[in-house]
Amino acid sequence: MSSDQQTLPPQTQSNQPGREAPMHPKPAYEPRYPGSGRLQDRIAVITGGDSGIGRAVAILFAREGADIAILYLNESEDARETARLVEAEGRRCLMIAGDVGDPDFCKSAVGTVISKFGRIHVLVNNAGEQHPKPEITEITPEQLEKTFRTNIFGYFHMTQAVMPHLEGGAAIINTGSVTSYRGSPELLDYSSTKGAIMAFTRSLAKAVVDKGIRVNGVAPGPIWTPLIPSTFSAEKVASFGAQTPMKRPGQPNEVAPCFLFLACEDSSYITGTFLHPNGGDATES
């Protein structure tokens, strides 16, 4: 690999969804600006909130005045660090471990949030997984179902669970991907779920607009999160993001402001739309 193609030190992790603690360099999650109260006293639920984009969103929302509930699978060390960072912003953080692919867990988690905080104003559906395969024939039924269960069924389950608690002015933000626009030959099932998320977002936006609830999405390009070293070989990680016009991967704190914009009143006339923090990859919105 030529040096101009290397964007990161080669590294890999053996288990998904991956851990932020052993990554080098660490993803940049710190908000880059002072808060201005744009989510003051709001309650936000963030799935996959322990690390990566979810962590950056949690901290930024806290800086803007929100209390946070983070849902995560089993990454307790990362979740505790995210909670510490949220609390360092002067806000409360509730940690809830479980699988969003299980509708009973989603209902229970939302019940816990309501019991603790009394209401919900923002849902960020962000949890996801990916398992590259070079050929479609290598994708087993078990992998196909697991990927869909986490990446799109989980969005349905969480939305169904929070909907009775949302009022006018609430926001739902779904994490999509650049892969739903340009495709990815080694991530056929993952890309398919991200295409489903795009359709889900646009359809749900129309279904709940009369309730005063806005639904939008963020479709990131290559972002340096624990999902990357836990998905790809060390060699692929080393060149991650080099194919973008900016020739580098993005950082979580370069994506989080898109979620903030869509969560707060700055985007009060926007619904059914995706934002594209992707380093210049050509996409259609």
Protein backbone atom coordinates (compact mmCIF):
# COMPACT_ATOMS: atom_id res chain seq x y z
CA MET A 1 0.00 0.00 0.00
CA SER A 2 1.41 3.39 -0.95
CA SER A 3 1.65 5.94 1.84
CA ASP A 4 -0.80 8.30 0.12
CA GLN A 5 -3.48 5.60 0.39
CA GLN A 6 -2.99 5.00 4.11
CA THR A 7 -5.40 6.94 6.27
CA LEU A 8 -5.17 4.98 9.55
CA PRO A 9 -2.85 2.58 11.36
CA PRO A 10 -3.68 -1.03 10.41
CA GLN A 11 -5.82 -2.67 13.12
CA THR A 12 -8.69 -5.08 13.57
CA GLN A 13 -11.05 -6.34 16.26
CA SER A 14 -12.42 -9.86 16.51
CA ASN A 15 -16.00 -9.16 17.61
CA GLN A 16 -18.83 -6.89 16.53
CA PRO A 17 -20.17 -4.38 17.30
CA GLY A 18 -16.64 -3.41 18.31
CA ARG A 19 -15.14 -1.41 21.14
CA GLU A 20 -13.96 2.18 21.09
CA ALA A 21 -11.46 1.81 23.95
CA PRO A 22 -8.76 -0.14 22.01
CA MET A 23 -8.95 1.94 18.82
CA HIS A 24 -5.92 3.99 17.77
CA PRO A 25 -6.26 6.77 17.13
CA LYS A 26 -9.44 7.21 19.14
CA PRO A 27 -12.41 8.58 17.19
CA ALA A 28 -12.96 12.31 17.73
CA TYR A 29 -16.24 12.65 19.61
CA GLU A 30 -15.86 15.92 21.51
CA PRO A 31 -18.20 18.74 20.45
CA ARG A 32 -16.20 21.50 18.79
CA TYR A 33 -18.30 24.48 19.89
CA PRO A 34 -19.99 25.81 23.05
CA GLY A 35 -23.63 24.89 23.46
CA SER A 36 -26.47 27.34 22.92
CA GLY A 37 -29.41 25.58 24.60
CA ARG A 38 -30.95 24.25 21.41
CA LEU A 39 -32.17 21.09 23.19
CA GLN A 40 -32.60 22.56 26.66
CA ASP A 41 -34.39 20.11 28.99
CA ARG A 42 -35.28 17.76 26.14
CA ILE A 43 -35.05 13.98 26.53
CA ALA A 44 -33.24 12.04 23.81
CA VAL A 45 -33.06 8.28 23.31
CA ILE A 46 -30.08 7.12 21.24
CA THR A 47 -29.63 3.50 20.15
CA GLY A 48 -26.03 2.45 19.63
CA GLY A 49 -25.24 5.39 21.91
CA ASP A 50 -22.21 3.88 23.61
CA SER A 51 -19.59 4.71 20.98
CA GLY A 52 -18.87 6.10 17.53
CA ILE A 53 -21.52 8.35 16.05
CA GLY A 54 -23.91 7.55 18.90
CA ARG A 55 -21.44 8.73 21.51
CA ALA A 56 -20.70 11.96 19.65
CA VAL A 57 -24.43 12.64 19.29
CA ALA A 58 -25.06 11.93 22.98
CA ILE A 59 -22.38 14.35 24.13
CA LEU A 60 -23.40 17.07 21.69
CA PHE A 61 -27.07 16.77 22.67
CA ALA A 62 -26.04 16.99 26.33
CA ARG A 63 -23.99 20.10 25.65
CA GLU A 64 -27.12 21.60 24.08
CA GLY A 65 -29.12 20.87 27.24
CA ALA A 66 -30.66 17.40 26.76
CA ASP A 67 -30.80 14.48 29.15
CA ILE A 68 -29.81 11.26 27.41
CA ALA A 69 -30.75 7.58 27.40
CA ILE A 70 -28.25 5.41 25.54
CA LEU A 71 -29.17 1.91 24.40
CA TYR A 72 -26.35 -0.50 23.59
CA LEU A 73 -25.84 -4.23 23.10
CA ASN A 74 -23.10 -5.26 25.55
CA GLU A 75 -20.29 -2.67 25.31
CA SER A 76 -20.44 -1.73 29.00
CA GLU A 77 -17.01 -0.06 29.20
CA ASP A 78 -17.76 2.22 26.26
CA ALA A 79 -21.25 2.96 27.61
CA ARG A 80 -19.90 3.97 31.01
CA GLU A 81 -17.43 6.33 29.37
CA THR A 82 -20.18 7.90 27.28
CA ALA A 83 -22.32 8.35 30.40
CA ARG A 84 -19.38 10.00 32.15
CA LEU A 85 -18.91 12.39 29.24
CA VAL A 86 -22.63 13.27 29.16
CA GLU A 87 -22.62 13.91 32.89
CA ALA A 88 -19.52 16.07 32.51
CA GLU A 89 -21.74 18.33 30.39
CA GLY A 90 -24.06 18.69 33.38
CA ARG A 91 -26.82 16.41 32.12
CA ARG A 92 -28.21 13.03 33.18
CA CYS A 93 -27.47 9.80 31.31
CA LEU A 94 -29.40 6.54 31.54
CA MET A 95 -27.66 3.37 30.28
CA ILE A 96 -29.81 0.47 29.02
CA ALA A 97 -28.25 -2.73 27.67
CA GLY A 98 -30.09 -5.02 25.27
CA ASP A 99 -30.85 -5.98 21.67
CA VAL A 100 -33.00 -3.55 19.66
CA GLY A 101 -33.86 -6.44 17.36
CA ASP A 102 -36.08 -7.71 20.20
CA PRO A 103 -39.38 -5.79 20.32
CA ASP A 104 -39.91 -6.68 23.98
CA PHE A 105 -36.59 -5.11 24.88
CA CYS A 106 -37.51 -1.94 22.98
CA LYS A 107 -40.80 -1.65 24.86
CA SER A 108 -39.06 -2.29 28.18
CA ALA A 109 -36.30 0.24 27.43
CA VAL A 110 -38.78 2.95 26.52
CA GLY A 111 -40.72 2.17 29.69
CA THR A 112 -37.52 2.61 31.69
CA VAL A 113 -36.87 5.98 30.04
CA ILE A 114 -40.40 7.17 30.79
CA SER A 115 -40.10 5.97 34.39
CA LYS A 116 -36.81 7.86 34.82
CA PHE A 117 -37.36 11.01 32.76
CA GLY A 118 -41.14 11.16 32.29
CA ARG A 119 -41.15 11.96 28.56
CA ILE A 120 -39.28 11.59 25.26
CA HIS A 121 -38.68 14.34 22.72
CA VAL A 122 -36.07 12.85 20.35
CA LEU A 123 -35.41 9.31 19.12
CA VAL A 124 -32.16 8.59 17.30
CA ASN A 125 -32.20 5.15 15.65
CA ASN A 126 -28.51 4.46 15.19
CA ALA A 127 -27.64 0.86 16.18
CA GLY A 128 -26.33 -1.21 13.29
CA GLU A 129 -24.13 -4.08 12.15
CA GLN A 130 -22.45 -5.19 8.93
CA HIS A 131 -20.78 -8.40 7.76
CA PRO A 132 -18.97 -8.18 4.41
CA LYS A 133 -19.12 -11.10 2.01
CA PRO A 134 -17.55 -11.12 -1.47
CA GLU A 135 -20.39 -13.15 -3.01
CA ILE A 136 -24.14 -13.05 -2.44
CA THR A 137 -24.09 -16.85 -2.19
CA GLU A 138 -21.97 -16.53 0.99
CA ILE A 139 -24.65 -14.60 2.88
CA THR A 140 -26.36 -17.17 5.06
CA PRO A 141 -30.04 -16.93 6.00
CA GLU A 142 -28.90 -16.42 9.59
CA GLN A 143 -26.69 -13.46 8.68
CA LEU A 144 -29.37 -11.96 6.45
CA GLU A 145 -32.00 -12.13 9.18
CA LYS A 146 -29.61 -10.83 11.88
CA THR A 147 -28.55 -7.82 9.82
CA PHE A 148 -32.13 -6.91 8.97
CA ARG A 149 -33.29 -7.50 12.54
CA THR A 150 -30.78 -5.03 13.95
CA ASN A 151 -30.60 -2.47 11.17
CA ILE A 152 -34.23 -2.03 10.16
CA PHE A 153 -36.48 -4.14 12.41
CA GLY A 154 -34.88 -2.39 15.37
CA TYR A 155 -35.82 0.99 13.90
CA PHE A 156 -39.42 -0.16 13.57
CA HIS A 157 -39.51 -1.63 17.08
CA MET A 158 -38.05 1.50 18.71
CA THR A 159 -40.33 3.83 16.77
CA GLN A 160 -43.39 1.77 17.67
CA ALA A 161 -42.36 1.81 21.33
CA VAL A 162 -41.77 5.58 21.55
CA MET A 163 -44.67 6.75 19.39
CA PRO A 164 -47.30 6.78 22.16
CA HIS A 165 -45.01 9.12 24.14
CA LEU A 166 -44.18 11.61 21.39
CA GLU A 167 -45.99 14.93 21.07
CA GLY A 168 -45.90 17.75 18.57
CA GLY A 169 -42.40 19.11 18.15
CA ALA A 170 -40.78 15.71 18.62
CA ALA A 171 -38.15 14.43 16.19
CA ILE A 172 -37.06 11.00 14.97
CA ILE A 173 -33.69 10.75 13.26
CA ASN A 174 -32.56 7.57 11.50
CA THR A 175 -28.98 6.70 10.63
CA GLY A 176 -28.71 5.63 7.01
CA SER A 177 -25.59 5.27 4.90
CA VAL A 178 -23.97 6.40 1.68
CA THR A 179 -24.19 2.72 0.65
CA SER A 180 -27.93 3.04 0.04
CA TYR A 181 -27.16 5.61 -2.68
CA ARG A 182 -24.02 4.26 -4.36
CA GLY A 183 -24.21 0.58 -3.41
CA SER A 184 -21.56 -1.68 -1.91
CA PRO A 185 -20.80 -5.03 -3.58
CA GLU A 186 -19.39 -6.61 -0.40
CA LEU A 187 -22.16 -5.31 1.86
CA LEU A 188 -25.26 -6.44 -0.01
CA ASP A 189 -27.42 -7.15 3.03
CA TYR A 190 -26.19 -4.08 4.95
CA SER A 191 -26.76 -1.79 1.96
CA SER A 192 -30.23 -3.25 1.50
CA THR A 193 -31.13 -2.43 5.10
CA LYS A 194 -29.90 1.12 4.60
CA GLY A 195 -32.09 1.44 1.52
CA ALA A 196 -35.00 0.22 3.63
CA ILE A 197 -34.17 2.85 6.26
CA MET A 198 -34.35 5.55 3.59
CA ALA A 199 -37.82 4.40 2.50
CA PHE A 200 -38.91 3.96 6.12
CA THR A 201 -37.81 7.50 6.96
CA ARG A 202 -39.58 9.13 4.04
CA SER A 203 -42.76 7.11 4.53
CA LEU A 204 -42.89 7.62 8.30
CA ALA A 205 -42.35 11.35 7.83
CA LYS A 206 -45.58 11.54 5.83
CA ALA A 207 -47.42 9.25 8.24
CA VAL A 208 -46.80 11.40 11.33
CA VAL A 209 -46.52 14.93 9.94
CA ASP A 210 -50.09 15.69 11.05
CA LYS A 211 -49.01 14.92 14.62
CA GLY A 212 -46.32 17.58 14.43
CA ILE A 213 -43.55 14.97 14.54
CA ARG A 214 -40.67 15.35 12.11
CA VAL A 215 -38.73 12.34 10.74
CA ASN A 216 -35.39 12.74 8.99
CA GLY A 217 -32.15 10.85 8.47
CA VAL A 218 -28.40 11.17 8.25
CA ALA A 219 -26.52 9.13 5.63
CA PRO A 220 -22.84 9.16 6.62
CA GLY A 221 -19.97 8.15 4.40
CA PRO A 222 -16.90 6.37 5.84
CA ILE A 223 -16.70 7.38 9.51
CA TRP A 224 -14.06 6.19 11.97
CA THR A 225 -16.09 4.18 14.51
CA PRO A 226 -15.67 0.78 16.25
CA LEU A 227 -17.73 -0.84 13.50
CA ILE A 228 -14.82 -0.37 11.09
CA PRO A 229 -11.99 -2.35 12.77
CA SER A 230 -14.55 -4.96 13.87
CA THR A 231 -15.74 -5.40 10.26
CA PHE A 232 -12.71 -5.19 7.98
CA SER A 233 -9.21 -6.57 7.74
CA ALA A 234 -6.29 -4.52 9.06
CA GLU A 235 -5.24 -3.79 5.47
CA LYS A 236 -8.65 -2.40 4.55
CA VAL A 237 -8.82 -0.38 7.74
CA ALA A 238 -5.48 1.21 6.84
CA SER A 239 -6.97 2.71 3.66
CA PHE A 240 -10.42 3.42 5.07
CA GLY A 241 -11.89 6.61 3.61
CA ALA A 242 -9.12 7.09 1.03
CA GLN A 243 -11.64 6.72 -1.83
CA THR A 244 -13.54 9.88 -0.88
CA PRO A 245 -12.75 13.21 -2.53
CA MET A 246 -11.41 14.37 0.84
CA LYS A 247 -9.10 11.31 0.92
CA ARG A 248 -9.81 10.52 4.56
CA PRO A 249 -12.49 9.07 6.85
CA GLY A 250 -14.80 11.38 8.72
CA GLN A 251 -14.93 11.65 12.50
CA PRO A 252 -18.03 11.17 14.66
CA ASN A 253 -17.97 14.80 15.76
CA GLU A 254 -18.17 15.80 12.09
CA VAL A 255 -21.44 13.86 11.80
CA ALA A 256 -23.11 14.67 15.12
CA PRO A 257 -24.03 18.28 14.16
CA CYS A 258 -26.29 16.88 11.42
CA PHE A 259 -28.27 15.05 14.10
CA LEU A 260 -28.41 18.17 16.26
CA PHE A 261 -29.73 20.25 13.37
CA LEU A 262 -32.47 17.70 12.67
CA ALA A 263 -33.35 17.33 16.36
CA CYS A 264 -33.78 21.03 17.16
CA GLU A 265 -36.04 23.80 15.93
CA ASP A 266 -33.44 24.97 13.40
CA SER A 267 -34.94 22.34 11.07
CA SER A 268 -38.60 23.01 11.90
CA TYR A 269 -39.61 23.07 8.21
CA ILE A 270 -37.71 19.91 7.25
CA THR A 271 -39.08 16.36 7.28
CA GLY A 272 -38.50 13.26 5.14
CA THR A 273 -34.98 14.42 4.26
CA PHE A 274 -31.45 13.01 4.58
CA LEU A 275 -28.24 14.92 5.29
CA HIS A 276 -24.99 13.62 3.77
CA PRO A 277 -21.76 14.00 5.77
CA ASN A 278 -19.73 11.85 3.38
CA GLY A 279 -16.49 13.61 2.41
CA GLY A 280 -17.81 14.61 -0.99
CA ASP A 281 -19.14 11.28 -2.30
CA ALA A 282 -21.72 12.05 -4.97
CA THR A 283 -25.20 11.06 -3.84
CA GLU A 284 -28.77 11.92 -4.62
CA SER A 285 -30.77 13.27 -1.68
